[in-house]
């Protein structure tokens, strides 16, 4: 931890320091875009899990939702990919699209899971990862909105001319 409370990690493959806090803030707009895509296609039971460091999770966030039939599951997955592709982000891996029971869209730092109702109940990832912090979609927007509001409300500095 640094003096400001940020958890600094060292990435040996690149030989650079990075801040996990900044990384999470950078992910929030991407995750928000995925959530909006799910909601646009009428996804049900939307859930966001922030994975704990040291929990054994291979990612930072899970976005989980359900569709009522295979076409809706695929439509949700398609919209997530399309929306994030427009933002310059492509998944590293997609599984289960054809069967449309559990579509997993892996963006490395976060994974979007789109389930059928039956598969969602059977696998119950929320129970499996019960140590994860549960977030609401508004929690992700609050961080970006707060920064914008702070920037707008900050007093502007007056320009003064130096006297000769």
N, C-alpha and C. Protein backbone atom coordinates (compact mmCIF):
# COMPACT_ATOMS: atom_id res chain seq x y z
N UNK A 1 0.84 -1.18 0.00
CA UNK A 1 0.00 0.00 0.00
C UNK A 1 0.88 1.25 0.00
N UNK A 2 0.44 2.24 -0.74
CA UNK A 2 1.18 3.50 -0.72
C UNK A 2 0.61 4.41 0.36
N UNK A 3 1.14 5.63 0.46
CA UNK A 3 0.73 6.55 1.51
C UNK A 3 -0.73 6.99 1.40
N UNK A 4 -1.33 6.85 0.20
CA UNK A 4 -2.72 7.25 0.01
C UNK A 4 -3.68 6.07 0.10
N UNK A 5 -3.17 4.89 0.44
CA UNK A 5 -4.03 3.73 0.62
C UNK A 5 -4.28 2.91 -0.63
N UNK A 6 -3.58 3.21 -1.71
CA UNK A 6 -3.73 2.42 -2.93
C UNK A 6 -2.90 1.16 -2.83
N UNK A 7 -3.45 0.07 -3.35
CA UNK A 7 -2.75 -1.20 -3.35
C UNK A 7 -1.92 -1.26 -4.64
N UNK A 8 -0.63 -1.08 -4.50
CA UNK A 8 0.24 -1.08 -5.67
C UNK A 8 0.76 -2.49 -5.91
N UNK A 9 0.68 -2.93 -7.15
CA UNK A 9 1.19 -4.24 -7.51
C UNK A 9 2.33 -4.06 -8.49
N UNK A 10 3.10 -5.09 -8.66
CA UNK A 10 4.19 -5.04 -9.61
C UNK A 10 3.94 -6.07 -10.69
N UNK A 11 3.85 -5.65 -11.91
CA UNK A 11 3.63 -6.54 -13.03
C UNK A 11 4.99 -6.85 -13.64
N UNK A 12 5.51 -8.04 -13.35
CA UNK A 12 6.86 -8.39 -13.79
C UNK A 12 6.98 -8.48 -15.30
N UNK A 13 5.92 -8.93 -15.98
CA UNK A 13 6.02 -9.09 -17.42
C UNK A 13 6.24 -7.77 -18.14
N UNK A 14 5.76 -6.69 -17.59
CA UNK A 14 5.96 -5.38 -18.21
C UNK A 14 6.95 -4.52 -17.44
N UNK A 15 7.27 -4.95 -16.23
CA UNK A 15 8.24 -4.20 -15.44
C UNK A 15 7.75 -2.83 -15.02
N UNK A 16 6.45 -2.71 -14.76
CA UNK A 16 5.90 -1.42 -14.37
C UNK A 16 5.05 -1.57 -13.11
N UNK A 17 4.93 -0.48 -12.39
CA UNK A 17 4.02 -0.46 -11.26
C UNK A 17 2.65 0.00 -11.76
N UNK A 18 1.63 -0.51 -11.13
CA UNK A 18 0.30 -0.06 -11.48
C UNK A 18 -0.55 -0.03 -10.21
N UNK A 19 -1.59 0.73 -10.23
CA UNK A 19 -2.47 0.85 -9.08
C UNK A 19 -3.73 0.05 -9.34
N UNK A 20 -4.04 -0.87 -8.45
CA UNK A 20 -5.26 -1.67 -8.59
C UNK A 20 -6.50 -0.78 -8.51
N UNK A 21 -6.42 0.27 -7.71
CA UNK A 21 -7.56 1.17 -7.58
C UNK A 21 -7.85 1.86 -8.91
N UNK A 22 -6.82 2.33 -9.59
CA UNK A 22 -7.01 2.97 -10.89
C UNK A 22 -7.54 1.98 -11.91
N UNK A 23 -7.04 0.74 -11.85
CA UNK A 23 -7.50 -0.29 -12.77
C UNK A 23 -9.00 -0.51 -12.61
N UNK A 24 -9.46 -0.60 -11.36
CA UNK A 24 -10.88 -0.82 -11.12
C UNK A 24 -11.70 0.36 -11.61
N UNK A 25 -11.20 1.58 -11.43
CA UNK A 25 -11.92 2.75 -11.93
C UNK A 25 -11.98 2.75 -13.45
N UNK A 26 -10.93 2.26 -14.10
CA UNK A 26 -10.93 2.18 -15.56
C UNK A 26 -11.90 1.12 -16.05
N UNK A 27 -12.11 0.07 -15.25
CA UNK A 27 -13.02 -1.00 -15.64
C UNK A 27 -14.49 -0.61 -15.52
N UNK A 28 -14.79 0.30 -14.63
CA UNK A 28 -16.19 0.63 -14.34
C UNK A 28 -16.98 1.07 -15.56
N UNK A 29 -16.44 1.94 -16.43
CA UNK A 29 -17.22 2.29 -17.64
C UNK A 29 -17.44 1.09 -18.57
N UNK A 30 -16.46 0.20 -18.64
CA UNK A 30 -16.60 -0.98 -19.49
C UNK A 30 -17.68 -1.92 -18.93
N UNK A 31 -17.64 -2.11 -17.62
CA UNK A 31 -18.63 -2.97 -16.99
C UNK A 31 -20.02 -2.32 -17.09
N UNK A 32 -20.08 -1.02 -16.93
CA UNK A 32 -21.36 -0.31 -17.07
C UNK A 32 -21.92 -0.49 -18.48
N UNK A 33 -21.06 -0.47 -19.48
CA UNK A 33 -21.52 -0.68 -20.86
C UNK A 33 -22.08 -2.09 -21.03
N UNK A 34 -21.43 -3.07 -20.43
CA UNK A 34 -21.92 -4.45 -20.49
C UNK A 34 -23.28 -4.56 -19.80
N UNK A 35 -23.41 -3.90 -18.66
CA UNK A 35 -24.68 -3.92 -17.91
C UNK A 35 -25.79 -3.28 -18.73
N UNK A 36 -25.50 -2.13 -19.34
CA UNK A 36 -26.51 -1.45 -20.16
C UNK A 36 -26.94 -2.33 -21.33
N UNK A 37 -25.99 -3.05 -21.91
CA UNK A 37 -26.32 -3.97 -23.01
C UNK A 37 -27.27 -5.06 -22.52
N UNK A 38 -27.00 -5.61 -21.35
CA UNK A 38 -27.87 -6.65 -20.77
C UNK A 38 -29.27 -6.09 -20.53
N UNK A 39 -29.33 -4.92 -19.94
CA UNK A 39 -30.63 -4.32 -19.62
C UNK A 39 -31.41 -3.96 -20.89
N UNK A 40 -30.70 -3.52 -21.92
CA UNK A 40 -31.38 -3.17 -23.18
C UNK A 40 -32.08 -4.38 -23.78
N UNK A 41 -31.53 -5.55 -23.58
CA UNK A 41 -32.12 -6.78 -24.10
C UNK A 41 -32.99 -7.49 -23.07
N UNK A 42 -33.41 -6.72 -22.06
CA UNK A 42 -34.36 -7.18 -21.04
C UNK A 42 -33.85 -8.36 -20.22
N UNK A 43 -32.56 -8.36 -19.91
CA UNK A 43 -32.00 -9.40 -19.05
C UNK A 43 -32.66 -9.34 -17.67
N UNK A 44 -32.77 -10.49 -17.04
CA UNK A 44 -33.38 -10.58 -15.72
C UNK A 44 -32.31 -10.92 -14.69
N UNK A 45 -32.63 -10.66 -13.44
CA UNK A 45 -31.77 -11.01 -12.30
C UNK A 45 -30.31 -10.58 -12.49
N UNK A 46 -30.13 -9.32 -12.84
CA UNK A 46 -28.79 -8.79 -13.04
C UNK A 46 -28.04 -8.73 -11.71
N UNK A 47 -26.82 -9.21 -11.71
CA UNK A 47 -26.01 -9.24 -10.49
C UNK A 47 -24.56 -8.93 -10.86
N UNK A 48 -23.91 -8.12 -10.03
CA UNK A 48 -22.49 -7.79 -10.25
C UNK A 48 -21.73 -8.21 -9.01
N UNK A 49 -20.68 -8.98 -9.21
CA UNK A 49 -19.85 -9.44 -8.11
C UNK A 49 -18.45 -8.87 -8.27
N UNK A 50 -17.96 -8.22 -7.23
CA UNK A 50 -16.57 -7.75 -7.21
C UNK A 50 -15.79 -8.80 -6.44
N UNK A 51 -14.88 -9.46 -7.12
CA UNK A 51 -14.15 -10.57 -6.54
C UNK A 51 -13.07 -10.06 -5.58
N UNK A 52 -12.92 -10.76 -4.47
CA UNK A 52 -11.91 -10.37 -3.48
C UNK A 52 -10.53 -10.81 -3.93
N UNK A 53 -9.55 -9.98 -3.62
CA UNK A 53 -8.16 -10.35 -3.88
C UNK A 53 -7.83 -11.55 -3.00
N UNK A 54 -7.21 -12.56 -3.55
CA UNK A 54 -6.84 -13.74 -2.80
C UNK A 54 -7.95 -14.78 -2.69
N UNK A 55 -9.06 -14.56 -3.39
CA UNK A 55 -10.19 -15.50 -3.33
C UNK A 55 -10.01 -16.68 -4.29
N UNK A 56 -8.99 -16.60 -5.13
CA UNK A 56 -8.79 -17.64 -6.13
C UNK A 56 -9.48 -17.32 -7.44
N UNK A 57 -10.18 -16.19 -7.49
CA UNK A 57 -10.86 -15.80 -8.73
C UNK A 57 -9.83 -15.38 -9.76
N UNK A 58 -10.13 -15.63 -10.99
CA UNK A 58 -9.23 -15.34 -12.11
C UNK A 58 -9.56 -14.02 -12.77
N UNK A 59 -10.48 -13.26 -12.19
CA UNK A 59 -10.93 -12.00 -12.75
C UNK A 59 -11.31 -11.06 -11.61
N UNK A 60 -11.58 -9.80 -11.93
CA UNK A 60 -11.95 -8.83 -10.90
C UNK A 60 -13.46 -8.73 -10.67
N UNK A 61 -14.23 -8.92 -11.74
CA UNK A 61 -15.68 -8.77 -11.64
C UNK A 61 -16.39 -9.86 -12.42
N UNK A 62 -17.57 -10.24 -11.94
CA UNK A 62 -18.51 -11.06 -12.68
C UNK A 62 -19.76 -10.21 -12.89
N UNK A 63 -20.29 -10.24 -14.09
CA UNK A 63 -21.60 -9.67 -14.38
C UNK A 63 -22.46 -10.87 -14.74
N UNK A 64 -23.54 -11.09 -13.99
CA UNK A 64 -24.41 -12.23 -14.21
C UNK A 64 -25.82 -11.76 -14.54
N UNK A 65 -26.46 -12.45 -15.46
CA UNK A 65 -27.85 -12.14 -15.78
C UNK A 65 -28.48 -13.37 -16.40
N UNK A 66 -29.80 -13.31 -16.57
CA UNK A 66 -30.54 -14.43 -17.13
C UNK A 66 -31.42 -13.96 -18.28
N UNK A 67 -31.65 -14.90 -19.20
CA UNK A 67 -32.61 -14.71 -20.27
C UNK A 67 -33.68 -15.78 -20.14
N UNK A 68 -34.85 -15.52 -20.68
CA UNK A 68 -35.96 -16.45 -20.51
C UNK A 68 -36.00 -17.57 -21.55
N UNK A 69 -35.26 -17.39 -22.65
CA UNK A 69 -35.22 -18.43 -23.69
C UNK A 69 -33.89 -18.34 -24.43
N UNK A 70 -33.53 -19.37 -25.22
CA UNK A 70 -32.22 -19.36 -25.89
C UNK A 70 -31.99 -18.15 -26.80
N UNK A 71 -33.01 -17.70 -27.50
CA UNK A 71 -32.83 -16.53 -28.38
C UNK A 71 -32.49 -15.28 -27.57
N UNK A 72 -33.15 -15.11 -26.43
CA UNK A 72 -32.86 -13.95 -25.60
C UNK A 72 -31.46 -14.04 -25.01
N UNK A 73 -31.06 -15.23 -24.58
CA UNK A 73 -29.70 -15.42 -24.04
C UNK A 73 -28.68 -15.01 -25.10
N UNK A 74 -28.87 -15.46 -26.34
CA UNK A 74 -27.96 -15.10 -27.41
C UNK A 74 -28.03 -13.61 -27.74
N UNK A 75 -29.21 -13.05 -27.72
CA UNK A 75 -29.37 -11.61 -28.01
C UNK A 75 -28.64 -10.77 -26.97
N UNK A 76 -28.72 -11.16 -25.71
CA UNK A 76 -28.01 -10.44 -24.65
C UNK A 76 -26.51 -10.54 -24.89
N UNK A 77 -26.02 -11.74 -25.16
CA UNK A 77 -24.59 -11.95 -25.40
C UNK A 77 -24.13 -11.13 -26.62
N UNK A 78 -24.92 -11.13 -27.68
CA UNK A 78 -24.59 -10.36 -28.89
C UNK A 78 -24.48 -8.87 -28.58
N UNK A 79 -25.44 -8.36 -27.81
CA UNK A 79 -25.46 -6.93 -27.49
C UNK A 79 -24.27 -6.54 -26.62
N UNK A 80 -23.90 -7.39 -25.68
CA UNK A 80 -22.72 -7.12 -24.84
C UNK A 80 -21.48 -7.03 -25.72
N UNK A 81 -21.29 -8.01 -26.60
CA UNK A 81 -20.12 -8.00 -27.48
C UNK A 81 -20.12 -6.78 -28.40
N UNK A 82 -21.26 -6.45 -28.96
CA UNK A 82 -21.37 -5.31 -29.88
C UNK A 82 -21.05 -4.00 -29.17
N UNK A 83 -21.64 -3.82 -28.01
CA UNK A 83 -21.45 -2.57 -27.28
C UNK A 83 -19.99 -2.39 -26.85
N UNK A 84 -19.38 -3.46 -26.38
CA UNK A 84 -17.98 -3.35 -25.94
C UNK A 84 -17.02 -3.28 -27.12
N UNK A 85 -17.39 -3.88 -28.23
CA UNK A 85 -16.57 -3.76 -29.44
C UNK A 85 -16.51 -2.31 -29.90
N UNK A 86 -17.64 -1.60 -29.79
CA UNK A 86 -17.68 -0.18 -30.14
C UNK A 86 -16.76 0.63 -29.23
N UNK A 87 -16.58 0.14 -28.00
CA UNK A 87 -15.69 0.81 -27.05
C UNK A 87 -14.24 0.33 -27.20
N UNK A 88 -14.00 -0.48 -28.23
CA UNK A 88 -12.64 -0.95 -28.50
C UNK A 88 -12.21 -2.17 -27.70
N UNK A 89 -13.17 -2.90 -27.15
CA UNK A 89 -12.85 -4.04 -26.31
C UNK A 89 -13.45 -5.31 -26.92
N UNK A 90 -12.59 -6.28 -27.12
CA UNK A 90 -13.04 -7.57 -27.66
C UNK A 90 -12.83 -8.66 -26.62
N UNK A 91 -13.74 -9.64 -26.56
CA UNK A 91 -13.55 -10.71 -25.58
C UNK A 91 -12.37 -11.60 -25.97
N UNK A 92 -11.71 -12.12 -24.95
CA UNK A 92 -10.62 -13.06 -25.23
C UNK A 92 -11.17 -14.46 -25.48
N UNK A 93 -12.37 -14.71 -24.99
CA UNK A 93 -12.95 -16.04 -25.13
C UNK A 93 -14.47 -15.97 -24.94
N UNK A 94 -15.20 -16.73 -25.73
CA UNK A 94 -16.65 -16.85 -25.58
C UNK A 94 -16.98 -18.34 -25.59
N UNK A 95 -17.77 -18.77 -24.61
CA UNK A 95 -18.18 -20.17 -24.52
C UNK A 95 -19.68 -20.28 -24.40
N UNK A 96 -20.23 -21.37 -24.93
CA UNK A 96 -21.63 -21.71 -24.71
C UNK A 96 -22.65 -20.98 -25.55
N UNK A 97 -22.20 -20.23 -26.55
CA UNK A 97 -23.15 -19.42 -27.33
C UNK A 97 -24.18 -20.29 -28.06
N UNK A 98 -23.71 -21.34 -28.71
CA UNK A 98 -24.63 -22.18 -29.49
C UNK A 98 -25.72 -22.83 -28.63
N UNK A 99 -25.30 -23.37 -27.49
CA UNK A 99 -26.27 -24.04 -26.63
C UNK A 99 -27.18 -23.05 -25.92
N UNK A 100 -26.68 -21.85 -25.66
CA UNK A 100 -27.44 -20.75 -25.05
C UNK A 100 -28.03 -21.12 -23.69
N UNK A 101 -27.34 -21.96 -22.95
CA UNK A 101 -27.73 -22.27 -21.57
C UNK A 101 -26.93 -21.39 -20.61
N UNK A 102 -25.63 -21.27 -20.91
CA UNK A 102 -24.72 -20.45 -20.10
C UNK A 102 -23.67 -19.91 -21.07
N UNK A 103 -23.82 -18.65 -21.43
CA UNK A 103 -22.84 -18.01 -22.32
C UNK A 103 -21.87 -17.25 -21.44
N UNK A 104 -20.60 -17.55 -21.59
CA UNK A 104 -19.54 -16.90 -20.83
C UNK A 104 -18.75 -16.03 -21.80
N UNK A 105 -18.66 -14.74 -21.50
CA UNK A 105 -17.92 -13.79 -22.34
C UNK A 105 -16.79 -13.24 -21.49
N UNK A 106 -15.58 -13.63 -21.81
CA UNK A 106 -14.40 -13.33 -20.97
C UNK A 106 -13.65 -12.12 -21.52
N UNK A 107 -13.59 -11.07 -20.70
CA UNK A 107 -12.83 -9.87 -21.03
C UNK A 107 -11.60 -9.74 -20.12
N UNK A 108 -11.14 -10.83 -19.57
CA UNK A 108 -10.00 -10.96 -18.67
C UNK A 108 -10.25 -10.30 -17.31
N UNK A 109 -10.39 -8.98 -17.27
CA UNK A 109 -10.59 -8.28 -16.00
C UNK A 109 -12.02 -8.40 -15.49
N UNK A 110 -12.94 -8.74 -16.37
CA UNK A 110 -14.31 -9.04 -15.96
C UNK A 110 -14.88 -10.07 -16.92
N UNK A 111 -15.85 -10.83 -16.41
CA UNK A 111 -16.49 -11.89 -17.19
C UNK A 111 -17.99 -11.68 -17.11
N UNK A 112 -18.64 -11.73 -18.27
CA UNK A 112 -20.10 -11.63 -18.33
C UNK A 112 -20.66 -13.03 -18.51
N UNK A 113 -21.57 -13.40 -17.61
CA UNK A 113 -22.24 -14.71 -17.66
C UNK A 113 -23.70 -14.47 -17.99
N UNK A 114 -24.18 -15.04 -19.08
CA UNK A 114 -25.59 -14.93 -19.46
C UNK A 114 -26.17 -16.34 -19.39
N UNK A 115 -27.11 -16.54 -18.48
CA UNK A 115 -27.67 -17.86 -18.20
C UNK A 115 -29.11 -17.99 -18.69
N UNK A 116 -29.50 -19.23 -18.94
CA UNK A 116 -30.93 -19.55 -18.99
C UNK A 116 -31.37 -19.59 -17.53
N UNK A 117 -32.67 -19.49 -17.29
CA UNK A 117 -33.16 -19.51 -15.90
C UNK A 117 -32.77 -20.82 -15.20
N UNK A 118 -32.89 -21.93 -15.93
CA UNK A 118 -32.58 -23.25 -15.37
C UNK A 118 -31.10 -23.37 -14.99
N UNK A 119 -30.22 -22.96 -15.90
CA UNK A 119 -28.77 -23.04 -15.64
C UNK A 119 -28.37 -22.09 -14.51
N UNK A 120 -29.00 -20.95 -14.43
CA UNK A 120 -28.67 -19.98 -13.37
C UNK A 120 -28.94 -20.58 -12.00
N UNK A 121 -30.08 -21.24 -11.86
CA UNK A 121 -30.42 -21.87 -10.59
C UNK A 121 -29.50 -23.06 -10.29
N UNK A 122 -29.18 -23.83 -11.32
CA UNK A 122 -28.35 -25.02 -11.12
C UNK A 122 -26.93 -24.65 -10.68
N UNK A 123 -26.28 -23.72 -11.39
CA UNK A 123 -24.88 -23.38 -11.09
C UNK A 123 -24.74 -22.42 -9.91
N UNK A 124 -25.70 -21.56 -9.69
CA UNK A 124 -25.76 -20.66 -8.54
C UNK A 124 -24.40 -20.03 -8.20
N UNK A 125 -23.85 -19.28 -9.15
CA UNK A 125 -22.53 -18.68 -8.95
C UNK A 125 -22.49 -17.71 -7.78
N UNK A 126 -23.61 -17.05 -7.49
CA UNK A 126 -23.62 -16.15 -6.34
C UNK A 126 -23.34 -16.91 -5.04
N UNK A 127 -23.85 -18.12 -4.94
CA UNK A 127 -23.59 -18.94 -3.75
C UNK A 127 -22.14 -19.42 -3.77
N UNK A 128 -21.67 -19.85 -4.92
CA UNK A 128 -20.30 -20.35 -5.06
C UNK A 128 -19.28 -19.27 -4.70
N UNK A 129 -19.54 -18.05 -5.12
CA UNK A 129 -18.64 -16.92 -4.85
C UNK A 129 -19.25 -15.99 -3.79
N UNK A 130 -19.77 -16.57 -2.73
CA UNK A 130 -20.48 -15.78 -1.70
C UNK A 130 -19.58 -14.78 -0.98
N UNK A 131 -18.26 -14.96 -1.06
CA UNK A 131 -17.35 -14.00 -0.43
C UNK A 131 -17.19 -12.72 -1.25
N UNK A 132 -17.65 -12.75 -2.50
CA UNK A 132 -17.54 -11.57 -3.37
C UNK A 132 -18.48 -10.47 -2.89
N UNK A 133 -18.05 -9.24 -3.10
CA UNK A 133 -18.89 -8.08 -2.76
C UNK A 133 -19.93 -7.88 -3.86
N UNK A 134 -21.17 -7.76 -3.47
CA UNK A 134 -22.26 -7.55 -4.42
C UNK A 134 -22.42 -6.05 -4.69
N UNK A 135 -22.49 -5.71 -5.96
CA UNK A 135 -22.66 -4.32 -6.37
C UNK A 135 -23.96 -4.15 -7.11
N UNK A 136 -24.44 -2.94 -7.10
CA UNK A 136 -25.61 -2.56 -7.89
C UNK A 136 -25.10 -1.77 -9.10
N UNK A 137 -25.84 -1.78 -10.21
CA UNK A 137 -25.38 -1.00 -11.38
C UNK A 137 -25.07 0.45 -11.03
N UNK A 138 -25.83 1.04 -10.14
CA UNK A 138 -25.61 2.43 -9.73
C UNK A 138 -24.28 2.63 -9.03
N UNK A 139 -23.74 1.59 -8.38
CA UNK A 139 -22.45 1.70 -7.70
C UNK A 139 -21.34 2.00 -8.70
N UNK A 140 -21.45 1.47 -9.88
CA UNK A 140 -20.43 1.70 -10.91
C UNK A 140 -20.57 3.09 -11.51
N UNK A 141 -21.80 3.55 -11.67
CA UNK A 141 -22.03 4.88 -12.24
C UNK A 141 -21.68 5.97 -11.25
N UNK A 142 -21.87 5.70 -9.96
CA UNK A 142 -21.61 6.71 -8.94
C UNK A 142 -20.18 7.20 -8.98
N UNK A 143 -19.24 6.28 -9.20
CA UNK A 143 -17.83 6.66 -9.24
C UNK A 143 -17.53 7.58 -10.41
N UNK A 144 -18.09 7.29 -11.57
CA UNK A 144 -17.81 8.14 -12.73
C UNK A 144 -18.57 9.45 -12.61
N UNK A 145 -19.79 9.41 -12.07
CA UNK A 145 -20.58 10.62 -11.91
C UNK A 145 -19.93 11.54 -10.89
N UNK A 146 -19.39 10.99 -9.81
CA UNK A 146 -18.76 11.79 -8.77
C UNK A 146 -17.58 12.56 -9.33
N UNK A 147 -16.76 11.90 -10.14
CA UNK A 147 -15.61 12.59 -10.72
C UNK A 147 -16.05 13.73 -11.62
N UNK A 148 -17.08 13.52 -12.44
CA UNK A 148 -17.56 14.57 -13.35
C UNK A 148 -18.14 15.73 -12.55
N UNK A 149 -18.90 15.41 -11.51
CA UNK A 149 -19.50 16.45 -10.68
C UNK A 149 -18.42 17.26 -9.99
N UNK A 150 -17.41 16.58 -9.46
CA UNK A 150 -16.31 17.27 -8.78
C UNK A 150 -15.58 18.20 -9.74
N UNK A 151 -15.40 17.76 -10.97
CA UNK A 151 -14.70 18.59 -11.96
C UNK A 151 -15.53 19.83 -12.30
N UNK A 152 -16.85 19.67 -12.38
CA UNK A 152 -17.70 20.81 -12.70
C UNK A 152 -17.78 21.81 -11.56
N UNK A 153 -17.81 21.30 -10.32
CA UNK A 153 -17.99 22.19 -9.18
C UNK A 153 -16.70 22.81 -8.67
N UNK A 154 -15.57 22.37 -9.17
CA UNK A 154 -14.29 22.94 -8.73
C UNK A 154 -14.20 24.38 -9.22
N UNK A 155 -13.79 25.29 -8.35
CA UNK A 155 -13.70 26.70 -8.78
C UNK A 155 -12.62 26.87 -9.84
N UNK A 156 -12.94 27.68 -10.81
CA UNK A 156 -11.98 27.93 -11.89
C UNK A 156 -10.99 28.99 -11.43
N UNK A 157 -9.74 28.79 -11.82
CA UNK A 157 -8.71 29.74 -11.46
C UNK A 157 -8.78 30.93 -12.39
N UNK A 158 -8.62 32.11 -11.81
CA UNK A 158 -8.64 33.33 -12.61
C UNK A 158 -7.25 33.53 -13.22
N UNK A 159 -7.30 33.93 -14.46
CA UNK A 159 -6.04 34.21 -15.13
C UNK A 159 -5.63 35.63 -14.79
N UNK A 160 -4.42 35.76 -14.36
CA UNK A 160 -3.91 37.11 -14.06
C UNK A 160 -2.72 37.38 -14.93
N UNK A 161 -2.64 38.62 -15.31
CA UNK A 161 -1.50 39.02 -16.15
C UNK A 161 -0.36 39.49 -15.27
N UNK A 162 0.77 39.09 -15.66
CA UNK A 162 1.96 39.55 -14.92
C UNK A 162 2.22 41.00 -15.30
N UNK A 163 2.49 41.83 -14.30
CA UNK A 163 2.75 43.24 -14.57
C UNK A 163 4.23 43.41 -14.91
N UNK A 164 4.43 44.20 -15.91
CA UNK A 164 5.81 44.42 -16.36
C UNK A 164 6.50 45.53 -15.62
